[in-house]
Structure formats: structure tokens, C-alpha cells
């Protein structure tokens, strides 16, 4: 279901392996050594996979996937 800004949150219920794979991608995105081109590529590919209705940037910027 879309949130207030019209985006759908990425939420994979009962799909542990796909969620773990998405978490790995998000951690690579947030890694301090990931450059701008890598981040753009990840966002582009996830947007292609899920479509414009999903909040890809919100998912990637989730504090759960931040690396200190």
C-alpha cells in the first residue's frame, strides 16, 4: 500500500533469502568505499526491478543498513 508520498515500501514477507540479498545490496550501497557511480548503478537497477512505485532511496537509506 502506498504511503503519504505515493511510494510503496519494500517489504518481502516470508521471503528470507530475497530480503537478505536486498540487505547485502543496501550495505554495499552504504559502504564508505562505494563511490557515486556504484550508488547510482544500484539505485538504477533496483528501480528497474521494482518499478517507480517503490521507495528505493528510502530502502537504501534505512538506518538498518548503514555502516559505521
Foldseek 3Di string as FASTA:
>chain_A
DADPVQADEDDDPPPVVVVVVVLVLLLLLQDPPDDPVSVVVSLVVVCVVPHPRHDSVCVSPPPVNHDD
